[in-house]
């Protein structure tokens, strides 16, 4: 990429991101393995399901 003066001066690279949490994955494409969830992941997952079905039930009345 060149600036107005025609010289190449790219921006510095982004610092590496250190993830505090690794998400469960699988070797198969398109899905995750629930058995690899931590207890906290499972609790969060079921909490999201509860929210979804609560909203869905309220919307269909």
PDB file of N, CA and C in Angstrom:
ATOM      1  N   UNK A   1       0.855  -1.164   0.000  1.00  0.00           N
ATOM      2  CA  UNK A   1       0.000   0.000   0.000  1.00  0.00           C
ATOM      3  C   UNK A   1       0.900   1.226   0.000  1.00  0.00           C
ATOM      4  N   UNK A   2       0.566   2.189  -0.852  1.00  0.00           N
ATOM      5  CA  UNK A   2       1.392   3.389  -0.939  1.00  0.00           C
ATOM      6  C   UNK A   2       0.642   4.581  -0.366  1.00  0.00           C
ATOM      7  N   UNK A   3       1.398   5.485   0.238  1.00  0.00           N
ATOM      8  CA  UNK A   3       0.789   6.699   0.761  1.00  0.00           C
ATOM      9  C   UNK A   3       0.804   7.785  -0.315  1.00  0.00           C
ATOM     10  N   UNK A   4       0.466   9.017   0.053  1.00  0.00           N
ATOM     11  CA  UNK A   4       0.376  10.108  -0.917  1.00  0.00           C
ATOM     12  C   UNK A   4       1.702  10.401  -1.607  1.00  0.00           C
ATOM     13  N   UNK A   5       2.807  10.131  -0.935  1.00  0.00           N
ATOM     14  CA  UNK A   5       4.119  10.432  -1.496  1.00  0.00           C
ATOM     15  C   UNK A   5       4.654   9.290  -2.361  1.00  0.00           C
ATOM     16  N   UNK A   6       3.867   8.229  -2.495  1.00  0.00           N
ATOM     17  CA  UNK A   6       4.276   7.126  -3.344  1.00  0.00           C
ATOM     18  C   UNK A   6       5.194   6.123  -2.668  1.00  0.00           C
ATOM     19  N   UNK A   7       5.388   6.256  -1.374  1.00  0.00           N
ATOM     20  CA  UNK A   7       6.250   5.298  -0.687  1.00  0.00           C
ATOM     21  C   UNK A   7       5.398   4.268   0.057  1.00  0.00           C
ATOM     22  N   UNK A   8       5.940   3.108   0.174  1.00  0.00           N
ATOM     23  CA  UNK A   8       5.227   2.042   0.851  1.00  0.00           C
ATOM     24  C   UNK A   8       5.538   2.092   2.341  1.00  0.00           C
ATOM     25  N   UNK A   9       4.507   2.237   3.145  1.00  0.00           N
ATOM     26  CA  UNK A   9       4.678   2.318   4.578  1.00  0.00           C
ATOM     27  C   UNK A   9       3.504   1.610   5.239  1.00  0.00           C
ATOM     28  N   UNK A  10       3.523   0.280   5.314  1.00  0.00           N
ATOM     29  CA  UNK A  10       2.371  -0.433   5.866  1.00  0.00           C
ATOM     30  C   UNK A  10       2.250  -0.206   7.369  1.00  0.00           C
ATOM     31  N   UNK A  11       1.044  -0.336   7.892  1.00  0.00           N
ATOM     32  CA  UNK A  11       0.860  -0.177   9.335  1.00  0.00           C
ATOM     33  C   UNK A  11       1.529  -1.333  10.079  1.00  0.00           C
ATOM     34  N   UNK A  12       1.829  -1.139  11.349  1.00  0.00           N
ATOM     35  CA  UNK A  12       2.443  -2.228  12.118  1.00  0.00           C
ATOM     36  C   UNK A  12       1.451  -3.377  12.271  1.00  0.00           C
ATOM     37  N   UNK A  13       1.940  -4.579  12.456  1.00  0.00           N
ATOM     38  CA  UNK A  13       1.018  -5.720  12.617  1.00  0.00           C
ATOM     39  C   UNK A  13       0.280  -5.632  13.951  1.00  0.00           C
ATOM     40  N   UNK A  14      -0.905  -6.249  13.976  1.00  0.00           N
ATOM     41  CA  UNK A  14      -1.665  -6.307  15.217  1.00  0.00           C
ATOM     42  C   UNK A  14      -0.946  -7.206  16.211  1.00  0.00           C
ATOM     43  N   UNK A  15      -1.045  -6.892  17.498  1.00  0.00           N
ATOM     44  CA  UNK A  15      -0.426  -7.786  18.494  1.00  0.00           C
ATOM     45  C   UNK A  15      -1.182  -9.116  18.514  1.00  0.00           C
ATOM     46  N   UNK A  16      -0.516 -10.193  18.889  1.00  0.00           N
ATOM     47  CA  UNK A  16      -1.208 -11.490  18.922  1.00  0.00           C
ATOM     48  C   UNK A  16      -2.311 -11.496  19.979  1.00  0.00           C
ATOM     49  N   UNK A  17      -3.386 -12.197  19.677  1.00  0.00           N
ATOM     50  CA  UNK A  17      -4.506 -12.306  20.594  1.00  0.00           C
ATOM     51  C   UNK A  17      -4.325 -13.570  21.417  1.00  0.00           C
ATOM     52  N   UNK A  18      -4.381 -13.412  22.727  1.00  0.00           N
ATOM     53  CA  UNK A  18      -4.266 -14.557  23.620  1.00  0.00           C
ATOM     54  C   UNK A  18      -5.657 -14.874  24.149  1.00  0.00           C
ATOM     55  N   UNK A  19      -6.228 -15.944  23.640  1.00  0.00           N
ATOM     56  CA  UNK A  19      -7.574 -16.323  24.051  1.00  0.00           C
ATOM     57  C   UNK A  19      -7.554 -16.872  25.472  1.00  0.00           C
ATOM     58  N   UNK A  20      -8.489 -16.383  26.276  1.00  0.00           N
ATOM     59  CA  UNK A  20      -8.606 -16.872  27.641  1.00  0.00           C
ATOM     60  C   UNK A  20      -9.450 -18.133  27.701  1.00  0.00           C
ATOM     61  N   UNK A  21     -10.205 -18.390  26.644  1.00  0.00           N
ATOM     62  CA  UNK A  21     -11.112 -19.528  26.635  1.00  0.00           C
ATOM     63  C   UNK A  21     -11.030 -20.200  25.266  1.00  0.00           C
ATOM     64  N   UNK A  22     -10.853 -21.486  25.261  1.00  0.00           N
ATOM     65  CA  UNK A  22     -10.882 -22.200  23.984  1.00  0.00           C
ATOM     66  C   UNK A  22     -12.249 -22.861  23.859  1.00  0.00           C
ATOM     67  N   UNK A  23     -12.850 -22.734  22.703  1.00  0.00           N
ATOM     68  CA  UNK A  23     -14.178 -23.263  22.479  1.00  0.00           C
ATOM     69  C   UNK A  23     -14.104 -24.701  22.005  1.00  0.00           C
ATOM     70  N   UNK A  24     -15.069 -25.525  22.419  1.00  0.00           N
ATOM     71  CA  UNK A  24     -15.043 -26.922  22.003  1.00  0.00           C
ATOM     72  C   UNK A  24     -15.229 -27.036  20.496  1.00  0.00           C
ATOM     73  N   UNK A  25     -14.463 -27.885  19.898  1.00  0.00           N
ATOM     74  CA  UNK A  25     -14.558 -28.104  18.461  1.00  0.00           C
ATOM     75  C   UNK A  25     -14.582 -29.596  18.194  1.00  0.00           C
ATOM     76  N   UNK A  26     -14.712 -29.949  16.966  1.00  0.00           N
ATOM     77  CA  UNK A  26     -14.667 -31.351  16.586  1.00  0.00           C
ATOM     78  C   UNK A  26     -13.866 -31.474  15.306  1.00  0.00           C
ATOM     79  N   UNK A  27     -13.553 -32.689  14.969  1.00  0.00           N
ATOM     80  CA  UNK A  27     -12.833 -32.912  13.718  1.00  0.00           C
ATOM     81  C   UNK A  27     -13.774 -32.874  12.534  1.00  0.00           C
ATOM     82  N   UNK A  28     -15.065 -33.083  12.753  1.00  0.00           N
ATOM     83  CA  UNK A  28     -16.050 -33.034  11.670  1.00  0.00           C
ATOM     84  C   UNK A  28     -16.443 -31.602  11.362  1.00  0.00           C
ATOM     85  N   UNK A  29     -16.814 -31.371  10.135  1.00  0.00           N
ATOM     86  CA  UNK A  29     -17.189 -30.017   9.721  1.00  0.00           C
ATOM     87  C   UNK A  29     -18.639 -29.728  10.090  1.00  0.00           C
ATOM     88  N   UNK A  30     -18.895 -28.507  10.529  1.00  0.00           N
ATOM     89  CA  UNK A  30     -20.253 -28.041  10.716  1.00  0.00           C
ATOM     90  C   UNK A  30     -20.905 -28.351  12.048  1.00  0.00           C
ATOM     91  N   UNK A  31     -20.193 -28.917  12.997  1.00  0.00           N
ATOM     92  CA  UNK A  31     -20.808 -29.153  14.295  1.00  0.00           C
ATOM     93  C   UNK A  31     -19.756 -29.161  15.395  1.00  0.00           C
ATOM     94  N   UNK A  32     -20.241 -29.042  16.626  1.00  0.00           N
ATOM     95  CA  UNK A  32     -19.357 -29.120  17.787  1.00  0.00           C
ATOM     96  C   UNK A  32     -19.774 -30.323  18.617  1.00  0.00           C
ATOM     97  N   UNK A  33     -18.879 -30.829  19.427  1.00  0.00           N
ATOM     98  CA  UNK A  33     -19.172 -31.993  20.253  1.00  0.00           C
ATOM     99  C   UNK A  33     -19.574 -31.528  21.649  1.00  0.00           C
ATOM    100  N   UNK A  34     -20.849 -31.741  21.973  1.00  0.00           N
ATOM    101  CA  UNK A  34     -21.367 -31.304  23.265  1.00  0.00           C
ATOM    102  C   UNK A  34     -20.610 -31.968  24.406  1.00  0.00           C
ATOM    103  N   UNK A  35     -20.148 -33.171  24.213  1.00  0.00           N
ATOM    104  CA  UNK A  35     -19.439 -33.886  25.276  1.00  0.00           C
ATOM    105  C   UNK A  35     -18.126 -33.209  25.649  1.00  0.00           C
ATOM    106  N   UNK A  36     -17.634 -32.316  24.794  1.00  0.00           N
ATOM    107  CA  UNK A  36     -16.383 -31.618  25.081  1.00  0.00           C
ATOM    108  C   UNK A  36     -16.609 -30.270  25.761  1.00  0.00           C
ATOM    109  N   UNK A  37     -17.877 -29.899  26.001  1.00  0.00           N
ATOM    110  CA  UNK A  37     -18.182 -28.652  26.701  1.00  0.00           C
ATOM    111  C   UNK A  37     -17.745 -28.768  28.159  1.00  0.00           C
ATOM    112  N   UNK A  38     -17.293 -27.668  28.711  1.00  0.00           N
ATOM    113  CA  UNK A  38     -17.037 -27.612  30.154  1.00  0.00           C
ATOM    114  C   UNK A  38     -18.386 -27.440  30.860  1.00  0.00           C
ATOM    115  N   UNK A  39     -18.443 -27.680  32.166  1.00  0.00           N
ATOM    116  CA  UNK A  39     -19.707 -27.428  32.880  1.00  0.00           C
ATOM    117  C   UNK A  39     -20.205 -25.987  32.705  1.00  0.00           C
ATOM    118  N   UNK A  40     -19.301 -25.029  32.689  1.00  0.00           N
ATOM    119  CA  UNK A  40     -19.709 -23.627  32.491  1.00  0.00           C
ATOM    120  C   UNK A  40     -20.277 -23.423  31.088  1.00  0.00           C
ATOM    121  N   UNK A  41     -19.674 -24.066  30.075  1.00  0.00           N
ATOM    122  CA  UNK A  41     -20.193 -23.972  28.708  1.00  0.00           C
ATOM    123  C   UNK A  41     -21.594 -24.564  28.627  1.00  0.00           C
ATOM    124  N   UNK A  42     -21.790 -25.707  29.276  1.00  0.00           N
ATOM    125  CA  UNK A  42     -23.106 -26.352  29.253  1.00  0.00           C
ATOM    126  C   UNK A  42     -24.147 -25.474  29.932  1.00  0.00           C
ATOM    127  N   UNK A  43     -23.784 -24.860  31.048  1.00  0.00           N
ATOM    128  CA  UNK A  43     -24.720 -23.992  31.756  1.00  0.00           C
ATOM    129  C   UNK A  43     -25.095 -22.790  30.885  1.00  0.00           C
ATOM    130  N   UNK A  44     -24.124 -22.193  30.229  1.00  0.00           N
ATOM    131  CA  UNK A  44     -24.401 -21.053  29.344  1.00  0.00           C
ATOM    132  C   UNK A  44     -25.267 -21.482  28.165  1.00  0.00           C
ATOM    133  N   UNK A  45     -24.990 -22.641  27.603  1.00  0.00           N
ATOM    134  CA  UNK A  45     -25.753 -23.147  26.457  1.00  0.00           C
ATOM    135  C   UNK A  45     -27.217 -23.344  26.840  1.00  0.00           C
ATOM    136  N   UNK A  46     -27.456 -24.010  27.969  1.00  0.00           N
ATOM    137  CA  UNK A  46     -28.835 -24.242  28.378  1.00  0.00           C
ATOM    138  C   UNK A  46     -29.521 -22.942  28.791  1.00  0.00           C
ATOM    139  N   UNK A  47     -28.773 -21.986  29.308  1.00  0.00           N
ATOM    140  CA  UNK A  47     -29.347 -20.683  29.606  1.00  0.00           C
ATOM    141  C   UNK A  47     -29.837 -19.987  28.344  1.00  0.00           C
ATOM    142  N   UNK A  48     -29.062 -20.087  27.277  1.00  0.00           N
ATOM    143  CA  UNK A  48     -29.481 -19.502  25.996  1.00  0.00           C
ATOM    144  C   UNK A  48     -30.711 -20.212  25.444  1.00  0.00           C
ATOM    145  N   UNK A  49     -30.749 -21.541  25.578  1.00  0.00           N
ATOM    146  CA  UNK A  49     -31.933 -22.275  25.129  1.00  0.00           C
ATOM    147  C   UNK A  49     -33.167 -21.848  25.918  1.00  0.00           C
ATOM    148  N   UNK A  50     -33.021 -21.698  27.231  1.00  0.00           N
ATOM    149  CA  UNK A  50     -34.151 -21.246  28.057  1.00  0.00           C
ATOM    150  C   UNK A  50     -34.654 -19.889  27.590  1.00  0.00           C
ATOM    151  N   UNK A  51     -33.738 -18.949  27.336  1.00  0.00           N
ATOM    152  CA  UNK A  51     -34.131 -17.621  26.851  1.00  0.00           C
ATOM    153  C   UNK A  51     -34.859 -17.723  25.523  1.00  0.00           C
ATOM    154  N   UNK A  52     -34.328 -18.521  24.618  1.00  0.00           N
ATOM    155  CA  UNK A  52     -34.937 -18.672  23.297  1.00  0.00           C
ATOM    156  C   UNK A  52     -36.372 -19.182  23.400  1.00  0.00           C
ATOM    157  N   UNK A  53     -36.565 -20.257  24.161  1.00  0.00           N
ATOM    158  CA  UNK A  53     -37.903 -20.836  24.250  1.00  0.00           C
ATOM    159  C   UNK A  53     -38.858 -19.952  25.043  1.00  0.00           C
ATOM    160  N   UNK A  54     -38.360 -19.200  26.030  1.00  0.00           N
ATOM    161  CA  UNK A  54     -39.209 -18.242  26.736  1.00  0.00           C
ATOM    162  C   UNK A  54     -39.707 -17.164  25.785  1.00  0.00           C
ATOM    163  N   UNK A  55     -38.815 -16.616  24.984  1.00  0.00           N
ATOM    164  CA  UNK A  55     -39.200 -15.568  24.025  1.00  0.00           C
ATOM    165  C   UNK A  55     -40.138 -16.122  22.965  1.00  0.00           C
ATOM    166  N   UNK A  56     -39.852 -17.312  22.516  1.00  0.00           N
ATOM    167  CA  UNK A  56     -40.688 -17.945  21.491  1.00  0.00           C
ATOM    168  C   UNK A  56     -42.095 -18.178  22.021  1.00  0.00           C
ATOM    169  N   UNK A  57     -42.193 -18.643  23.272  1.00  0.00           N
ATOM    170  CA  UNK A  57     -43.506 -18.898  23.865  1.00  0.00           C
ATOM    171  C   UNK A  57     -44.287 -17.598  24.033  1.00  0.00           C
ATOM    172  N   UNK A  58     -43.624 -16.534  24.477  1.00  0.00           N
ATOM    173  CA  UNK A  58     -44.309 -15.242  24.641  1.00  0.00           C
ATOM    174  C   UNK A  58     -44.750 -14.671  23.311  1.00  0.00           C
ATOM    175  N   UNK A  59     -43.990 -14.919  22.247  1.00  0.00           N
ATOM    176  CA  UNK A  59     -44.326 -14.379  20.940  1.00  0.00           C
ATOM    177  C   UNK A  59     -45.472 -15.095  20.270  1.00  0.00           C
ATOM    178  N   UNK A  60     -45.731 -16.340  20.651  1.00  0.00           N
ATOM    179  CA  UNK A  60     -46.776 -17.105  19.976  1.00  0.00           C
ATOM    180  C   UNK A  60     -48.129 -17.026  20.662  1.00  0.00           C
ATOM    181  N   UNK A  61     -48.226 -16.267  21.748  1.00  0.00           N
ATOM    182  CA  UNK A  61     -49.511 -16.154  22.467  1.00  0.00           C
ATOM    183  C   UNK A  61     -50.433 -15.192  21.806  1.00  0.00           C
TER     184      UNK A  61
END
